[in-house]
Amino acid sequence: MHKKLLIILSIFTLLLTNVKSDEIVIKQLKKGGNIVFIRHAIAPGGGDPENFRLDDCSTQRNLDSQGIEQSKKMGLFFQQNNIPIDKVLSSEWCRCKDTAKFAFKDYETFNALNSFFSSKFEKNKEKQMKDLNKFLNNWESNKNLILITHYVVILESLNKTVSSGEIVVVDKNLNYIGSVEKY
């Protein structure tokens, strides 16, 4: 009996901690001036097929119905919390563009956010990261910058591992503020 109570209390404490963490992130986002990295929503599989072409979504891993729903919920999170958005930038990969479209409607593509996971694209990593860092160093706004990208770009930029659809908030200097993962 004592062991069950301890387990229940541990779960309750964990849930309260997550709620408190979300509140801190939301409060910071409402202030604006943050950089928000979002890993694209759920797209079953890993990597991209060998016949991948940037201009043909049928050759890429794409969002499934769960990923589309996840994207819409992500957009609602920003709307319902009145979070100010400067702009939404997306990788050129279809799963990122679709995440942006279903979550935020308006977005621009930015090739520095493209994946370099595949050996086909790993040669781009150094230039992309340099371009991304230059862009972020020059970005100024009292609203939030949304970057929809890939696991490898977030890992390289922030040294953080992320789940599909995870929202990672950092300040202008890329100092970690918190994450939201509700979807």
C-alpha atoms as a PDB file:
ATOM      1  CA  MET A   1       0.000   0.000   0.000  1.00  0.00           C
ATOM      2  CA  HIS A   2       2.802   2.402   0.944  1.00  0.00           C
ATOM      3  CA  LYS A   3       4.545   1.671  -2.367  1.00  0.00           C
ATOM      4  CA  LYS A   4       1.366   2.436  -4.389  1.00  0.00           C
ATOM      5  CA  LEU A   5       0.922   5.737  -2.579  1.00  0.00           C
ATOM      6  CA  LEU A   6       4.528   6.673  -3.320  1.00  0.00           C
ATOM      7  CA  ILE A   7       4.019   5.909  -7.020  1.00  0.00           C
ATOM      8  CA  ILE A   8       0.808   7.974  -7.156  1.00  0.00           C
ATOM      9  CA  LEU A   9       2.503  10.913  -5.415  1.00  0.00           C
ATOM     10  CA  SER A  10       5.458  10.693  -7.803  1.00  0.00           C
ATOM     11  CA  ILE A  11       3.166  10.796 -10.847  1.00  0.00           C
ATOM     12  CA  PHE A  12       1.200  13.724  -9.389  1.00  0.00           C
ATOM     13  CA  THR A  13       4.424  15.649  -8.692  1.00  0.00           C
ATOM     14  CA  LEU A  14       5.642  15.007 -12.238  1.00  0.00           C
ATOM     15  CA  LEU A  15       2.359  16.277 -13.707  1.00  0.00           C
ATOM     16  CA  LEU A  16       2.469  19.436 -11.573  1.00  0.00           C
ATOM     17  CA  THR A  17       6.085  20.039 -12.597  1.00  0.00           C
ATOM     18  CA  ASN A  18       5.132  19.793 -16.292  1.00  0.00           C
ATOM     19  CA  VAL A  19       2.222  22.223 -15.827  1.00  0.00           C
ATOM     20  CA  LYS A  20       4.511  24.677 -14.003  1.00  0.00           C
ATOM     21  CA  SER A  21       7.149  24.314 -16.731  1.00  0.00           C
ATOM     22  CA  ASP A  22       4.544  25.011 -19.455  1.00  0.00           C
ATOM     23  CA  GLU A  23       3.375  28.110 -17.557  1.00  0.00           C
ATOM     24  CA  ILE A  24       6.941  29.451 -17.431  1.00  0.00           C
ATOM     25  CA  VAL A  25       7.404  28.878 -21.171  1.00  0.00           C
ATOM     26  CA  ILE A  26       4.047  30.488 -22.028  1.00  0.00           C
ATOM     27  CA  LYS A  27       4.840  33.524 -19.859  1.00  0.00           C
ATOM     28  CA  GLN A  28       8.199  33.944 -21.618  1.00  0.00           C
ATOM     29  CA  LEU A  29       6.628  33.517 -25.068  1.00  0.00           C
ATOM     30  CA  LYS A  30       4.028  36.196 -24.298  1.00  0.00           C
ATOM     31  CA  LYS A  31       6.882  38.642 -23.599  1.00  0.00           C
ATOM     32  CA  GLY A  32       8.235  38.033 -27.119  1.00  0.00           C
ATOM     33  CA  GLY A  33      11.771  38.279 -28.450  1.00  0.00           C
ATOM     34  CA  ASN A  34      12.364  34.516 -28.271  1.00  0.00           C
ATOM     35  CA  ILE A  35      13.510  32.012 -30.857  1.00  0.00           C
ATOM     36  CA  VAL A  36      11.245  28.980 -31.100  1.00  0.00           C
ATOM     37  CA  PHE A  37      12.624  25.816 -32.675  1.00  0.00           C
ATOM     38  CA  ILE A  38       9.960  23.282 -33.635  1.00  0.00           C
ATOM     39  CA  ARG A  39      10.708  19.840 -34.949  1.00  0.00           C
ATOM     40  CA  HIS A  40       8.270  18.973 -37.736  1.00  0.00           C
ATOM     41  CA  ALA A  41       5.156  17.058 -36.694  1.00  0.00           C
ATOM     42  CA  ILE A  42       4.824  13.277 -36.870  1.00  0.00           C
ATOM     43  CA  ALA A  43       5.965  11.854 -40.212  1.00  0.00           C
ATOM     44  CA  PRO A  44       6.297   8.064 -39.936  1.00  0.00           C
ATOM     45  CA  GLY A  45       9.672   6.504 -40.685  1.00  0.00           C
ATOM     46  CA  GLY A  46      13.168   7.908 -40.465  1.00  0.00           C
ATOM     47  CA  GLY A  47      15.326   9.869 -42.869  1.00  0.00           C
ATOM     48  CA  ASP A  48      14.208  10.142 -46.476  1.00  0.00           C
ATOM     49  CA  PRO A  49      13.915   7.628 -49.315  1.00  0.00           C
ATOM     50  CA  GLU A  50      16.831   7.252 -51.754  1.00  0.00           C
ATOM     51  CA  ASN A  51      14.757   8.820 -54.550  1.00  0.00           C
ATOM     52  CA  PHE A  52      14.157  11.979 -52.452  1.00  0.00           C
ATOM     53  CA  ARG A  53      13.594  15.154 -54.440  1.00  0.00           C
ATOM     54  CA  LEU A  54      13.030  18.512 -52.797  1.00  0.00           C
ATOM     55  CA  ASP A  55      10.537  19.543 -55.483  1.00  0.00           C
ATOM     56  CA  ASP A  56       8.398  16.384 -55.206  1.00  0.00           C
ATOM     57  CA  CYS A  57       6.602  15.636 -51.932  1.00  0.00           C
ATOM     58  CA  SER A  58       5.707  12.141 -53.140  1.00  0.00           C
ATOM     59  CA  THR A  59       9.412  11.220 -52.826  1.00  0.00           C
ATOM     60  CA  GLN A  60       9.617  12.376 -49.196  1.00  0.00           C
ATOM     61  CA  ARG A  61       8.473  11.293 -45.762  1.00  0.00           C
ATOM     62  CA  ASN A  62       5.284  13.220 -45.109  1.00  0.00           C
ATOM     63  CA  LEU A  63       2.958  14.003 -42.237  1.00  0.00           C
ATOM     64  CA  ASP A  64       0.315  11.379 -41.597  1.00  0.00           C
ATOM     65  CA  SER A  65      -3.148  12.226 -40.208  1.00  0.00           C
ATOM     66  CA  GLN A  66      -1.698  12.251 -36.689  1.00  0.00           C
ATOM     67  CA  GLY A  67       1.014  14.700 -37.806  1.00  0.00           C
ATOM     68  CA  ILE A  68      -1.558  16.988 -39.416  1.00  0.00           C
ATOM     69  CA  GLU A  69      -3.644  16.952 -36.235  1.00  0.00           C
ATOM     70  CA  GLN A  70      -0.512  17.569 -34.148  1.00  0.00           C
ATOM     71  CA  SER A  71       0.323  20.597 -36.320  1.00  0.00           C
ATOM     72  CA  LYS A  72      -3.157  22.054 -35.906  1.00  0.00           C
ATOM     73  CA  LYS A  73      -2.961  21.638 -32.108  1.00  0.00           C
ATOM     74  CA  MET A  74       0.421  23.325 -32.154  1.00  0.00           C
ATOM     75  CA  GLY A  75      -1.097  26.334 -33.905  1.00  0.00           C
ATOM     76  CA  LEU A  76      -3.936  26.411 -31.371  1.00  0.00           C
ATOM     77  CA  PHE A  77      -1.370  26.478 -28.550  1.00  0.00           C
ATOM     78  CA  PHE A  78       0.053  29.733 -29.955  1.00  0.00           C
ATOM     79  CA  GLN A  79      -3.393  31.232 -30.703  1.00  0.00           C
ATOM     80  CA  GLN A  80      -5.061  30.337 -27.409  1.00  0.00           C
ATOM     81  CA  ASN A  81      -2.133  31.706 -25.420  1.00  0.00           C
ATOM     82  CA  ASN A  82      -1.988  34.948 -27.475  1.00  0.00           C
ATOM     83  CA  ILE A  83       1.673  34.413 -28.294  1.00  0.00           C
ATOM     84  CA  PRO A  84       3.021  37.141 -30.611  1.00  0.00           C
ATOM     85  CA  ILE A  85       4.766  35.851 -33.736  1.00  0.00           C
ATOM     86  CA  ASP A  86       7.211  37.867 -35.842  1.00  0.00           C
ATOM     87  CA  LYS A  87       7.530  35.315 -38.632  1.00  0.00           C
ATOM     88  CA  VAL A  88       7.469  31.597 -39.306  1.00  0.00           C
ATOM     89  CA  LEU A  89      10.377  30.090 -41.228  1.00  0.00           C
ATOM     90  CA  SER A  90      10.409  26.499 -42.430  1.00  0.00           C
ATOM     91  CA  SER A  91      12.798  23.994 -43.904  1.00  0.00           C
ATOM     92  CA  GLU A  92      12.106  23.313 -47.579  1.00  0.00           C
ATOM     93  CA  TRP A  93      11.189  19.675 -46.779  1.00  0.00           C
ATOM     94  CA  CYS A  94       7.469  18.989 -47.308  1.00  0.00           C
ATOM     95  CA  ARG A  95       6.899  17.681 -43.766  1.00  0.00           C
ATOM     96  CA  CYS A  96       8.201  20.970 -42.339  1.00  0.00           C
ATOM     97  CA  LYS A  97       6.241  23.119 -44.796  1.00  0.00           C
ATOM     98  CA  ASP A  98       3.092  21.132 -44.010  1.00  0.00           C
ATOM     99  CA  THR A  99       3.694  21.544 -40.274  1.00  0.00           C
ATOM    100  CA  ALA A 100       4.005  25.311 -40.849  1.00  0.00           C
ATOM    101  CA  LYS A 101       0.930  25.442 -43.086  1.00  0.00           C
ATOM    102  CA  PHE A 102      -1.353  23.498 -40.735  1.00  0.00           C
ATOM    103  CA  ALA A 103      -0.073  25.256 -37.589  1.00  0.00           C
ATOM    104  CA  PHE A 104       0.425  28.845 -38.723  1.00  0.00           C
ATOM    105  CA  LYS A 105      -0.929  29.211 -42.300  1.00  0.00           C
ATOM    106  CA  ASP A 106       1.661  31.813 -43.414  1.00  0.00           C
ATOM    107  CA  TYR A 107       5.346  30.919 -43.568  1.00  0.00           C
ATOM    108  CA  GLU A 108       8.492  31.356 -45.644  1.00  0.00           C
ATOM    109  CA  THR A 109      11.067  28.706 -46.453  1.00  0.00           C
ATOM    110  CA  PHE A 110      14.665  29.130 -45.332  1.00  0.00           C
ATOM    111  CA  ASN A 111      17.189  26.603 -46.623  1.00  0.00           C
ATOM    112  CA  ALA A 112      19.429  26.944 -43.557  1.00  0.00           C
ATOM    113  CA  LEU A 113      16.722  24.939 -41.734  1.00  0.00           C
ATOM    114  CA  ASN A 114      16.935  21.999 -44.167  1.00  0.00           C
ATOM    115  CA  SER A 115      17.963  18.567 -42.946  1.00  0.00           C
ATOM    116  CA  PHE A 116      21.533  17.334 -43.382  1.00  0.00           C
ATOM    117  CA  PHE A 117      20.817  13.889 -41.894  1.00  0.00           C
ATOM    118  CA  SER A 118      21.202  12.039 -45.191  1.00  0.00           C
ATOM    119  CA  SER A 119      24.661  11.560 -46.700  1.00  0.00           C
ATOM    120  CA  LYS A 120      23.204  13.280 -49.770  1.00  0.00           C
ATOM    121  CA  PHE A 121      22.949  16.549 -47.797  1.00  0.00           C
ATOM    122  CA  GLU A 122      25.604  16.315 -45.070  1.00  0.00           C
ATOM    123  CA  LYS A 123      27.985  18.429 -47.156  1.00  0.00           C
ATOM    124  CA  ASN A 124      25.593  21.369 -46.583  1.00  0.00           C
ATOM    125  CA  LYS A 125      25.788  21.234 -42.780  1.00  0.00           C
ATOM    126  CA  GLU A 126      28.614  23.722 -42.201  1.00  0.00           C
ATOM    127  CA  LYS A 127      27.219  26.372 -44.576  1.00  0.00           C
ATOM    128  CA  GLN A 128      23.663  25.948 -43.303  1.00  0.00           C
ATOM    129  CA  MET A 129      24.680  26.320 -39.668  1.00  0.00           C
ATOM    130  CA  LYS A 130      26.792  29.368 -40.510  1.00  0.00           C
ATOM    131  CA  ASP A 131      23.858  30.922 -42.418  1.00  0.00           C
ATOM    132  CA  LEU A 132      21.408  30.106 -39.618  1.00  0.00           C
ATOM    133  CA  ASN A 133      23.659  31.577 -36.924  1.00  0.00           C
ATOM    134  CA  LYS A 134      24.233  34.725 -38.997  1.00  0.00           C
ATOM    135  CA  PHE A 135      20.488  35.132 -39.498  1.00  0.00           C
ATOM    136  CA  LEU A 136      19.752  34.618 -35.791  1.00  0.00           C
ATOM    137  CA  ASN A 137      22.488  37.049 -34.736  1.00  0.00           C
ATOM    138  CA  ASN A 138      20.913  39.734 -36.949  1.00  0.00           C
ATOM    139  CA  TRP A 139      17.299  39.005 -36.010  1.00  0.00           C
ATOM    140  CA  GLU A 140      15.618  41.615 -33.815  1.00  0.00           C
ATOM    141  CA  SER A 141      11.969  41.683 -32.810  1.00  0.00           C
ATOM    142  CA  ASN A 142       9.753  42.087 -29.783  1.00  0.00           C
ATOM    143  CA  LYS A 143       7.744  39.126 -31.119  1.00  0.00           C
ATOM    144  CA  ASN A 144       8.802  35.474 -31.407  1.00  0.00           C
ATOM    145  CA  LEU A 145      10.619  33.871 -34.333  1.00  0.00           C
ATOM    146  CA  ILE A 146       9.313  30.399 -35.231  1.00  0.00           C
ATOM    147  CA  LEU A 147      11.719  27.962 -36.930  1.00  0.00           C
ATOM    148  CA  ILE A 148      10.246  24.692 -38.185  1.00  0.00           C
ATOM    149  CA  THR A 149      13.043  22.282 -38.869  1.00  0.00           C
ATOM    150  CA  HIS A 150      14.530  18.841 -38.265  1.00  0.00           C
ATOM    151  CA  TYR A 151      15.985  16.865 -35.378  1.00  0.00           C
ATOM    152  CA  VAL A 152      19.573  17.262 -36.648  1.00  0.00           C
ATOM    153  CA  VAL A 153      19.344  21.052 -36.984  1.00  0.00           C
ATOM    154  CA  ILE A 154      17.951  21.437 -33.458  1.00  0.00           C
ATOM    155  CA  LEU A 155      20.547  19.048 -32.048  1.00  0.00           C
ATOM    156  CA  GLU A 156      23.364  20.928 -33.790  1.00  0.00           C
ATOM    157  CA  SER A 157      22.025  24.378 -32.810  1.00  0.00           C
ATOM    158  CA  LEU A 158      20.992  23.709 -29.215  1.00  0.00           C
ATOM    159  CA  ASN A 159      22.516  20.356 -28.259  1.00  0.00           C
ATOM    160  CA  LYS A 160      18.956  19.219 -27.407  1.00  0.00           C
ATOM    161  CA  THR A 161      17.218  16.052 -28.512  1.00  0.00           C
ATOM    162  CA  VAL A 162      13.582  16.575 -29.472  1.00  0.00           C
ATOM    163  CA  SER A 163      10.458  14.624 -30.331  1.00  0.00           C
ATOM    164  CA  SER A 164       8.290  15.237 -33.376  1.00  0.00           C
ATOM    165  CA  GLY A 165       6.265  18.400 -32.847  1.00  0.00           C
ATOM    166  CA  GLU A 166       8.238  19.478 -29.779  1.00  0.00           C
ATOM    167  CA  ILE A 167       8.451  23.236 -29.227  1.00  0.00           C
ATOM    168  CA  VAL A 168      11.817  24.397 -27.839  1.00  0.00           C
ATOM    169  CA  VAL A 169      12.108  27.999 -26.668  1.00  0.00           C
ATOM    170  CA  VAL A 170      15.447  29.790 -26.379  1.00  0.00           C
ATOM    171  CA  ASP A 171      16.470  33.396 -25.917  1.00  0.00           C
ATOM    172  CA  LYS A 172      18.347  35.499 -28.470  1.00  0.00           C
ATOM    173  CA  ASN A 173      21.639  33.953 -27.305  1.00  0.00           C
ATOM    174  CA  LEU A 174      20.231  30.414 -27.720  1.00  0.00           C
ATOM    175  CA  ASN A 175      20.008  29.881 -23.961  1.00  0.00           C
ATOM    176  CA  TYR A 176      17.396  27.234 -23.221  1.00  0.00           C
ATOM    177  CA  ILE A 177      14.186  28.488 -21.596  1.00  0.00           C
ATOM    178  CA  GLY A 178      11.980  25.426 -21.867  1.00  0.00           C
ATOM    179  CA  SER A 179      10.041  23.004 -24.031  1.00  0.00           C
ATOM    180  CA  VAL A 180       6.404  22.234 -24.645  1.00  0.00           C
ATOM    181  CA  GLU A 181       5.419  18.797 -25.834  1.00  0.00           C
ATOM    182  CA  LYS A 182       1.664  18.350 -25.626  1.00  0.00           C
ATOM    183  CA  TYR A 183       0.881  16.720 -28.884  1.00  0.00           C
END
